[in-house]
Protein backbone atom coordinates (compact mmCIF):
# COMPACT_ATOMS: atom_id res chain seq x y z
CA MET A 1 38.20 52.64 255.37
CA GLU A 2 36.24 55.78 255.04
CA LYS A 3 38.83 57.29 252.17
CA LYS A 4 38.58 54.09 250.19
CA ILE A 5 35.26 54.49 249.84
CA HIS A 6 35.25 58.12 249.19
CA LEU A 7 38.20 57.30 246.66
CA TYR A 8 35.73 54.64 245.06
CA ILE A 9 32.63 56.63 244.74
CA ASN A 10 34.43 59.71 242.98
CA THR A 11 36.53 57.19 240.55
CA TRP A 12 32.85 55.67 239.59
CA LEU A 13 31.43 59.43 239.07
CA GLU A 14 34.10 60.31 236.92
CA GLN A 15 33.77 57.60 234.87
CA GLY A 16 30.04 58.64 233.62
CA TYR A 17 28.57 58.22 236.81
CA SER A 18 27.77 62.15 237.05
CA ASP A 19 24.23 61.87 238.65
CA GLY A 20 25.50 59.37 241.70
CA ILE A 21 26.06 55.49 241.56
CA PRO A 22 22.86 53.05 242.13
CA ASP A 23 22.00 51.81 245.38
CA GLU A 24 22.06 47.98 243.48
CA VAL A 25 23.18 46.64 240.25
CA PRO A 26 22.91 43.02 239.22
CA VAL A 27 25.40 40.87 240.92
CA GLU A 28 27.12 39.61 237.84
CA LEU A 29 28.38 43.30 237.32
CA MET A 30 29.26 43.97 241.27
CA GLN A 31 31.74 40.82 241.33
CA GLU A 32 33.61 41.52 238.51
CA HIS A 33 33.87 45.68 239.35
CA LEU A 34 32.01 46.28 236.16
CA ALA A 35 29.57 48.67 237.76
CA PRO A 36 29.49 50.51 241.04
CA SER A 37 27.02 50.34 243.88
CA TYR A 38 25.97 51.48 247.28
CA LYS A 39 25.04 47.53 248.02
CA ALA A 40 28.59 46.68 247.03
CA ILE A 41 30.05 49.28 249.93
CA ALA A 42 27.96 47.82 252.34
CA TYR A 43 28.84 44.39 251.57
CA ALA A 44 32.47 45.21 251.65
CA ILE A 45 32.25 46.92 255.50
CA LEU A 46 29.27 44.20 256.62
CA GLN A 47 32.19 41.35 255.42
CA ASN A 48 34.90 42.91 257.38
CA ASP A 49 36.48 43.54 254.14
CA HIS A 50 38.65 46.31 255.55
CA GLY A 51 41.06 46.68 252.63
CA LEU A 52 38.18 46.88 250.32
CA GLN A 53 39.36 44.51 248.28
CA SER A 54 35.87 43.57 247.50
CA LEU A 55 35.40 47.13 245.52
CA GLY A 56 38.74 46.39 243.70
CA PHE A 57 41.30 47.60 245.95
CA SER A 58 44.38 46.04 246.38
CA PRO A 59 45.57 44.59 249.91
CA GLU A 60 48.02 46.89 251.79
CA GLU A 61 51.17 45.25 252.48
CA SER A 62 52.42 45.36 255.95
CA LYS A 63 55.46 47.60 256.82
CA TRP A 64 56.85 44.81 259.09
CA TYR A 65 56.63 41.92 256.56
CA GLY A 66 59.71 42.89 254.43
CA VAL A 67 62.00 42.49 257.62
CA LEU A 68 59.88 39.47 259.14
CA LYS A 69 60.48 37.50 255.59
CA LYS A 70 64.39 38.27 255.73
CA ILE A 71 64.45 36.85 259.29
CA GLU A 72 62.52 33.69 258.13
CA ILE A 73 64.46 33.11 255.22
CA GLN A 74 67.70 33.96 257.50
CA GLU A 75 66.76 31.01 260.02
CA ARG A 76 65.86 28.23 257.36
CA PRO A 77 68.33 25.41 256.89
CA VAL A 78 70.40 24.71 253.92
CA ILE A 79 70.59 21.37 252.02
CA VAL A 80 74.17 20.49 250.75
CA GLY A 81 74.10 17.04 249.55
CA GLN A 82 72.84 15.19 252.31
CA GLN A 83 73.19 17.10 255.19
CA VAL A 84 71.54 20.17 256.69
CA ARG A 85 73.19 22.90 257.80
CA LEU A 86 71.85 26.07 259.88
CA LEU A 87 73.07 29.23 259.21
């Protein structure tokens, strides 16, 4: 989480906030990810947003998700005509 917060701050510093990001911005700007703020960071932490999706980051996919999804699909019944067959 700490790395993503530093990335968030550094990204906005590179985009024209050379004096640092503000403590607070209007809620509309914060929700649309149009302006950074330390309040947005604090809000993400207080909401236990470990993936920091509220700051615009994409969720990380588990390395086991694909494996478990394949097992689930293989165990689904196959419908042939009116009969249900298990693979």
